[in-house]
Amino acid sequence: MPLTASFSEVRRDFTAITDKVMNEKVQVTVFKHNKPAFKIVPIDASSKNPQEAYFEAACELDDEYHDVFEALAR
């Protein structure tokens, strides 16, 4: 189940949020100025190539917020 947090919440509670990501394997979408800015996602430890995991996470973020990025690009 993905979670959301504001940038200020992440700054204040970074340790608790990263513990939740690492231990409960949840994704956290971080918003800044009410717009999605980035995601904190768990990395699959069994992945042989960590760069693949990073790329996959970036693709998932783009897929999820493609319409937002298109609107912001205009």
PDB file of N, CA and C in Angstrom:
ATOM      1  N   MET A   1       0.846  -1.178   0.000  1.00  0.00           N
ATOM      2  CA  MET A   1       0.000   0.000   0.000  1.00  0.00           C
ATOM      3  C   MET A   1       0.893   1.244   0.000  1.00  0.00           C
ATOM      4  N   PRO A   2       0.863   2.040  -1.068  1.00  0.00           N
ATOM      5  CA  PRO A   2       1.702   3.226  -1.129  1.00  0.00           C
ATOM      6  C   PRO A   2       1.227   4.312  -0.165  1.00  0.00           C
ATOM      7  N   LEU A   3       2.177   5.057   0.344  1.00  0.00           N
ATOM      8  CA  LEU A   3       1.882   6.159   1.254  1.00  0.00           C
ATOM      9  C   LEU A   3       2.306   7.470   0.614  1.00  0.00           C
ATOM     10  N   THR A   4       1.796   8.576   1.147  1.00  0.00           N
ATOM     11  CA  THR A   4       2.232   9.894   0.710  1.00  0.00           C
ATOM     12  C   THR A   4       2.695  10.683   1.922  1.00  0.00           C
ATOM     13  N   ALA A   5       3.590  11.633   1.665  1.00  0.00           N
ATOM     14  CA  ALA A   5       4.089  12.499   2.724  1.00  0.00           C
ATOM     15  C   ALA A   5       4.509  13.817   2.104  1.00  0.00           C
ATOM     16  N   SER A   6       4.404  14.865   2.876  1.00  0.00           N
ATOM     17  CA  SER A   6       4.897  16.156   2.395  1.00  0.00           C
ATOM     18  C   SER A   6       6.410  16.193   2.585  1.00  0.00           C
ATOM     19  N   PHE A   7       7.051  17.102   1.865  1.00  0.00           N
ATOM     20  CA  PHE A   7       8.498  17.248   1.970  1.00  0.00           C
ATOM     21  C   PHE A   7       8.901  17.567   3.410  1.00  0.00           C
ATOM     22  N   SER A   8       8.135  18.427   4.064  1.00  0.00           N
ATOM     23  CA  SER A   8       8.474  18.794   5.447  1.00  0.00           C
ATOM     24  C   SER A   8       8.295  17.607   6.394  1.00  0.00           C
ATOM     25  N   GLU A   9       7.302  16.751   6.149  1.00  0.00           N
ATOM     26  CA  GLU A   9       7.134  15.547   6.969  1.00  0.00           C
ATOM     27  C   GLU A   9       8.332  14.611   6.802  1.00  0.00           C
ATOM     28  N   VAL A  10       8.806  14.483   5.577  1.00  0.00           N
ATOM     29  CA  VAL A  10       9.951  13.614   5.324  1.00  0.00           C
ATOM     30  C   VAL A  10      11.186  14.164   6.025  1.00  0.00           C
ATOM     31  N   ARG A  11      11.394  15.468   5.948  1.00  0.00           N
ATOM     32  CA  ARG A  11      12.541  16.071   6.633  1.00  0.00           C
ATOM     33  C   ARG A  11      12.458  15.837   8.139  1.00  0.00           C
ATOM     34  N   ARG A  12      11.261  15.973   8.689  1.00  0.00           N
ATOM     35  CA  ARG A  12      11.083  15.834  10.134  1.00  0.00           C
ATOM     36  C   ARG A  12      11.191  14.379  10.581  1.00  0.00           C
ATOM     37  N   ASP A  13      10.618  13.461   9.814  1.00  0.00           N
ATOM     38  CA  ASP A  13      10.497  12.055  10.226  1.00  0.00           C
ATOM     39  C   ASP A  13      11.253  11.100   9.307  1.00  0.00           C
ATOM     40  N   PHE A  14      12.396  11.532   8.787  1.00  0.00           N
ATOM     41  CA  PHE A  14      13.104  10.732   7.793  1.00  0.00           C
ATOM     42  C   PHE A  14      13.432   9.326   8.279  1.00  0.00           C
ATOM     43  N   THR A  15      13.918   9.210   9.485  1.00  0.00           N
ATOM     44  CA  THR A  15      14.297   7.892  10.001  1.00  0.00           C
ATOM     45  C   THR A  15      13.091   6.965  10.089  1.00  0.00           C
ATOM     46  N   ALA A  16      11.985   7.458  10.607  1.00  0.00           N
ATOM     47  CA  ALA A  16      10.776   6.631  10.729  1.00  0.00           C
ATOM     48  C   ALA A  16      10.250   6.231   9.348  1.00  0.00           C
ATOM     49  N   ILE A  17      10.297   7.156   8.402  1.00  0.00           N
ATOM     50  CA  ILE A  17       9.800   6.859   7.054  1.00  0.00           C
ATOM     51  C   ILE A  17      10.692   5.827   6.370  1.00  0.00           C
ATOM     52  N   THR A  18      12.007   5.999   6.469  1.00  0.00           N
ATOM     53  CA  THR A  18      12.890   5.019   5.838  1.00  0.00           C
ATOM     54  C   THR A  18      12.792   3.654   6.506  1.00  0.00           C
ATOM     55  N   ASP A  19      12.584   3.624   7.809  1.00  0.00           N
ATOM     56  CA  ASP A  19      12.363   2.335   8.483  1.00  0.00           C
ATOM     57  C   ASP A  19      11.120   1.647   7.935  1.00  0.00           C
ATOM     58  N   LYS A  20      10.053   2.411   7.730  1.00  0.00           N
ATOM     59  CA  LYS A  20       8.814   1.843   7.184  1.00  0.00           C
ATOM     60  C   LYS A  20       9.045   1.314   5.767  1.00  0.00           C
ATOM     61  N   VAL A  21       9.768   2.072   4.952  1.00  0.00           N
ATOM     62  CA  VAL A  21      10.060   1.639   3.583  1.00  0.00           C
ATOM     63  C   VAL A  21      10.877   0.352   3.598  1.00  0.00           C
ATOM     64  N   MET A  22      11.906   0.314   4.414  1.00  0.00           N
ATOM     65  CA  MET A  22      12.793  -0.847   4.436  1.00  0.00           C
ATOM     66  C   MET A  22      12.152  -2.078   5.069  1.00  0.00           C
ATOM     67  N   ASN A  23      11.420  -1.878   6.170  1.00  0.00           N
ATOM     68  CA  ASN A  23      10.884  -3.026   6.910  1.00  0.00           C
ATOM     69  C   ASN A  23       9.537  -3.505   6.393  1.00  0.00           C
ATOM     70  N   GLU A  24       8.689  -2.581   5.970  1.00  0.00           N
ATOM     71  CA  GLU A  24       7.345  -2.953   5.519  1.00  0.00           C
ATOM     72  C   GLU A  24       7.223  -2.956   4.003  1.00  0.00           C
ATOM     73  N   LYS A  25       8.317  -2.590   3.326  1.00  0.00           N
ATOM     74  CA  LYS A  25       8.362  -2.605   1.856  1.00  0.00           C
ATOM     75  C   LYS A  25       7.258  -1.752   1.228  1.00  0.00           C
ATOM     76  N   VAL A  26       7.010  -0.573   1.804  1.00  0.00           N
ATOM     77  CA  VAL A  26       6.023   0.350   1.240  1.00  0.00           C
ATOM     78  C   VAL A  26       6.738   1.431   0.435  1.00  0.00           C
ATOM     79  N   GLN A  27       6.036   2.009  -0.524  1.00  0.00           N
ATOM     80  CA  GLN A  27       6.547   3.132  -1.292  1.00  0.00           C
ATOM     81  C   GLN A  27       5.949   4.410  -0.723  1.00  0.00           C
ATOM     82  N   VAL A  28       6.747   5.458  -0.663  1.00  0.00           N
ATOM     83  CA  VAL A  28       6.277   6.742  -0.165  1.00  0.00           C
ATOM     84  C   VAL A  28       6.475   7.777  -1.269  1.00  0.00           C
ATOM     85  N   THR A  29       5.379   8.375  -1.722  1.00  0.00           N
ATOM     86  CA  THR A  29       5.461   9.465  -2.685  1.00  0.00           C
ATOM     87  C   THR A  29       5.540  10.762  -1.906  1.00  0.00           C
ATOM     88  N   VAL A  30       6.570  11.550  -2.211  1.00  0.00           N
ATOM     89  CA  VAL A  30       6.810  12.788  -1.487  1.00  0.00           C
ATOM     90  C   VAL A  30       6.327  13.969  -2.331  1.00  0.00           C
ATOM     91  N   PHE A  31       5.526  14.812  -1.703  1.00  0.00           N
ATOM     92  CA  PHE A  31       4.974  15.981  -2.369  1.00  0.00           C
ATOM     93  C   PHE A  31       5.664  17.242  -1.866  1.00  0.00           C
ATOM     94  N   LYS A  32       5.933  18.150  -2.803  1.00  0.00           N
ATOM     95  CA  LYS A  32       6.463  19.461  -2.441  1.00  0.00           C
ATOM     96  C   LYS A  32       5.601  20.493  -3.149  1.00  0.00           C
ATOM     97  N   HIS A  33       5.072  21.428  -2.399  1.00  0.00           N
ATOM     98  CA  HIS A  33       4.143  22.432  -2.922  1.00  0.00           C
ATOM     99  C   HIS A  33       2.937  21.756  -3.591  1.00  0.00           C
ATOM    100  N   ASN A  34       2.428  20.712  -2.959  1.00  0.00           N
ATOM    101  CA  ASN A  34       1.252  19.960  -3.414  1.00  0.00           C
ATOM    102  C   ASN A  34       1.432  19.295  -4.769  1.00  0.00           C
ATOM    103  N   LYS A  35       2.671  19.028  -5.157  1.00  0.00           N
ATOM    104  CA  LYS A  35       2.952  18.327  -6.410  1.00  0.00           C
ATOM    105  C   LYS A  35       3.882  17.165  -6.093  1.00  0.00           C
ATOM    106  N   PRO A  36       3.682  16.018  -6.751  1.00  0.00           N
ATOM    107  CA  PRO A  36       4.581  14.893  -6.496  1.00  0.00           C
ATOM    108  C   PRO A  36       5.996  15.258  -6.919  1.00  0.00           C
ATOM    109  N   ALA A  37       6.962  15.063  -6.022  1.00  0.00           N
ATOM    110  CA  ALA A  37       8.353  15.425  -6.302  1.00  0.00           C
ATOM    111  C   ALA A  37       9.224  14.195  -6.538  1.00  0.00           C
ATOM    112  N   PHE A  38       9.067  13.188  -5.684  1.00  0.00           N
ATOM    113  CA  PHE A  38       9.857  11.974  -5.831  1.00  0.00           C
ATOM    114  C   PHE A  38       9.251  10.875  -4.977  1.00  0.00           C
ATOM    115  N   LYS A  39       9.781   9.653  -5.153  1.00  0.00           N
ATOM    116  CA  LYS A  39       9.334   8.503  -4.372  1.00  0.00           C
ATOM    117  C   LYS A  39      10.511   7.921  -3.611  1.00  0.00           C
ATOM    118  N   ILE A  40      10.206   7.399  -2.451  1.00  0.00           N
ATOM    119  CA  ILE A  40      11.167   6.600  -1.693  1.00  0.00           C
ATOM    120  C   ILE A  40      10.653   5.174  -1.793  1.00  0.00           C
ATOM    121  N   VAL A  41      11.444   4.314  -2.408  1.00  0.00           N
ATOM    122  CA  VAL A  41      10.998   2.943  -2.657  1.00  0.00           C
ATOM    123  C   VAL A  41      12.011   1.949  -2.117  1.00  0.00           C
ATOM    124  N   PRO A  42      11.532   0.796  -1.666  1.00  0.00           N
ATOM    125  CA  PRO A  42      12.477  -0.234  -1.216  1.00  0.00           C
ATOM    126  C   PRO A  42      13.196  -0.842  -2.417  1.00  0.00           C
ATOM    127  N   ILE A  43      14.444  -1.179  -2.214  1.00  0.00           N
ATOM    128  CA  ILE A  43      15.220  -1.857  -3.245  1.00  0.00           C
ATOM    129  C   ILE A  43      15.184  -3.343  -2.950  1.00  0.00           C
ATOM    130  N   ASP A  44      14.871  -4.115  -3.967  1.00  0.00           N
ATOM    131  CA  ASP A  44      14.801  -5.563  -3.828  1.00  0.00           C
ATOM    132  C   ASP A  44      16.213  -6.103  -3.612  1.00  0.00           C
ATOM    133  N   ALA A  45      16.450  -6.661  -2.446  1.00  0.00           N
ATOM    134  CA  ALA A  45      17.785  -7.160  -2.102  1.00  0.00           C
ATOM    135  C   ALA A  45      18.218  -8.324  -2.981  1.00  0.00           C
ATOM    136  N   SER A  46      17.273  -9.030  -3.554  1.00  0.00           N
ATOM    137  CA  SER A  46      17.632 -10.173  -4.392  1.00  0.00           C
ATOM    138  C   SER A  46      17.989  -9.754  -5.814  1.00  0.00           C
ATOM    139  N   SER A  47      17.775  -8.490  -6.129  1.00  0.00           N
ATOM    140  CA  SER A  47      18.110  -8.000  -7.459  1.00  0.00           C
ATOM    141  C   SER A  47      19.621  -8.065  -7.662  1.00  0.00           C
ATOM    142  N   LYS A  48      20.044  -8.651  -8.765  1.00  0.00           N
ATOM    143  CA  LYS A  48      21.470  -8.790  -9.016  1.00  0.00           C
ATOM    144  C   LYS A  48      22.097  -7.481  -9.491  1.00  0.00           C
ATOM    145  N   ASN A  49      21.307  -6.629 -10.112  1.00  0.00           N
ATOM    146  CA  ASN A  49      21.822  -5.374 -10.624  1.00  0.00           C
ATOM    147  C   ASN A  49      21.030  -4.228  -9.997  1.00  0.00           C
ATOM    148  N   PRO A  50      21.594  -3.529  -9.022  1.00  0.00           N
ATOM    149  CA  PRO A  50      20.854  -2.445  -8.359  1.00  0.00           C
ATOM    150  C   PRO A  50      20.432  -1.342  -9.318  1.00  0.00           C
ATOM    151  N   GLN A  51      21.207  -1.104 -10.385  1.00  0.00           N
ATOM    152  CA  GLN A  51      20.830  -0.069 -11.341  1.00  0.00           C
ATOM    153  C   GLN A  51      19.515  -0.409 -12.027  1.00  0.00           C
ATOM    154  N   GLU A  52      19.261  -1.684 -12.259  1.00  0.00           N
ATOM    155  CA  GLU A  52      17.982  -2.101 -12.840  1.00  0.00           C
ATOM    156  C   GLU A  52      16.831  -1.742 -11.914  1.00  0.00           C
ATOM    157  N   ALA A  53      17.032  -1.931 -10.624  1.00  0.00           N
ATOM    158  CA  ALA A  53      15.988  -1.604  -9.651  1.00  0.00           C
ATOM    159  C   ALA A  53      15.718  -0.110  -9.644  1.00  0.00           C
ATOM    160  N   TYR A  54      16.780   0.697  -9.718  1.00  0.00           N
ATOM    161  CA  TYR A  54      16.601   2.153  -9.763  1.00  0.00           C
ATOM    162  C   TYR A  54      15.846   2.565 -11.029  1.00  0.00           C
ATOM    163  N   PHE A  55      16.244   1.978 -12.162  1.00  0.00           N
ATOM    164  CA  PHE A  55      15.593   2.303 -13.422  1.00  0.00           C
ATOM    165  C   PHE A  55      14.122   1.883 -13.403  1.00  0.00           C
ATOM    166  N   GLU A  56      13.852   0.708 -12.864  1.00  0.00           N
ATOM    167  CA  GLU A  56      12.476   0.228 -12.771  1.00  0.00           C
ATOM    168  C   GLU A  56      11.633   1.151 -11.893  1.00  0.00           C
ATOM    169  N   ALA A  57      12.203   1.615 -10.776  1.00  0.00           N
ATOM    170  CA  ALA A  57      11.481   2.540  -9.897  1.00  0.00           C
ATOM    171  C   ALA A  57      11.194   3.848 -10.622  1.00  0.00           C
ATOM    172  N   ALA A  58      12.156   4.337 -11.396  1.00  0.00           N
ATOM    173  CA  ALA A  58      11.952   5.577 -12.151  1.00  0.00           C
ATOM    174  C   ALA A  58      10.859   5.396 -13.206  1.00  0.00           C
ATOM    175  N   CYS A  59      10.855   4.255 -13.868  1.00  0.00           N
ATOM    176  CA  CYS A  59       9.820   3.980 -14.877  1.00  0.00           C
ATOM    177  C   CYS A  59       8.438   3.892 -14.243  1.00  0.00           C
ATOM    178  N   GLU A  60       8.351   3.254 -13.080  1.00  0.00           N
ATOM    179  CA  GLU A  60       7.066   3.165 -12.384  1.00  0.00           C
ATOM    180  C   GLU A  60       6.565   4.549 -11.990  1.00  0.00           C
ATOM    181  N   LEU A  61       7.463   5.397 -11.532  1.00  0.00           N
ATOM    182  CA  LEU A  61       7.085   6.763 -11.166  1.00  0.00           C
ATOM    183  C   LEU A  61       6.587   7.510 -12.398  1.00  0.00           C
ATOM    184  N   ASP A  62       7.296   7.370 -13.518  1.00  0.00           N
ATOM    185  CA  ASP A  62       6.875   8.036 -14.746  1.00  0.00           C
ATOM    186  C   ASP A  62       5.521   7.516 -15.210  1.00  0.00           C
ATOM    187  N   ASP A  63       5.329   6.206 -15.139  1.00  0.00           N
ATOM    188  CA  ASP A  63       4.040   5.634 -15.540  1.00  0.00           C
ATOM    189  C   ASP A  63       2.899   6.174 -14.681  1.00  0.00           C
ATOM    190  N   GLU A  64       3.145   6.267 -13.379  1.00  0.00           N
ATOM    191  CA  GLU A  64       2.097   6.675 -12.453  1.00  0.00           C
ATOM    192  C   GLU A  64       1.749   8.156 -12.595  1.00  0.00           C
ATOM    193  N   TYR A  65       2.750   8.993 -12.858  1.00  0.00           N
ATOM    194  CA  TYR A  65       2.526  10.443 -12.880  1.00  0.00           C
ATOM    195  C   TYR A  65       2.805  11.065 -14.241  1.00  0.00           C
ATOM    196  N   HIS A  66       2.728  10.281 -15.314  1.00  0.00           N
ATOM    197  CA  HIS A  66       3.020  10.780 -16.649  1.00  0.00           C
ATOM    198  C   HIS A  66       2.153  11.984 -17.017  1.00  0.00           C
ATOM    199  N   ASP A  67       0.861  11.897 -16.701  1.00  0.00           N
ATOM    200  CA  ASP A  67      -0.040  13.007 -17.031  1.00  0.00           C
ATOM    201  C   ASP A  67       0.338  14.282 -16.269  1.00  0.00           C
ATOM    202  N   VAL A  68       0.788  14.130 -15.043  1.00  0.00           N
ATOM    203  CA  VAL A  68       1.214  15.293 -14.253  1.00  0.00           C
ATOM    204  C   VAL A  68       2.463  15.909 -14.864  1.00  0.00           C
ATOM    205  N   PHE A  69       3.424  15.068 -15.249  1.00  0.00           N
ATOM    206  CA  PHE A  69       4.651  15.578 -15.851  1.00  0.00           C
ATOM    207  C   PHE A  69       4.357  16.274 -17.175  1.00  0.00           C
ATOM    208  N   GLU A  70       3.435  15.709 -17.953  1.00  0.00           N
ATOM    209  CA  GLU A  70       3.054  16.337 -19.232  1.00  0.00           C
ATOM    210  C   GLU A  70       2.462  17.728 -18.978  1.00  0.00           C
ATOM    211  N   ALA A  71       1.571  17.829 -18.001  1.00  0.00           N
ATOM    212  CA  ALA A  71       0.944  19.120 -17.702  1.00  0.00           C
ATOM    213  C   ALA A  71       1.973  20.136 -17.201  1.00  0.00           C
ATOM    214  N   LEU A  72       2.915  19.681 -16.382  1.00  0.00           N
ATOM    215  CA  LEU A  72       3.937  20.585 -15.858  1.00  0.00           C
ATOM    216  C   LEU A  72       4.901  21.043 -16.941  1.00  0.00           C
ATOM    217  N   ALA A  73       5.101  20.222 -17.956  1.00  0.00           N
ATOM    218  CA  ALA A  73       6.030  20.554 -19.038  1.00  0.00           C
ATOM    219  C   ALA A  73       5.476  21.655 -19.938  1.00  0.00           C
ATOM    220  N   ARG A  74       4.188  21.884 -19.902  1.00  0.00           N
ATOM    221  CA  ARG A  74       3.580  22.907 -20.779  1.00  0.00           C
ATOM    222  C   ARG A  74       3.789  24.284 -20.268  1.00  0.00           C
TER     223      ARG A  74
END
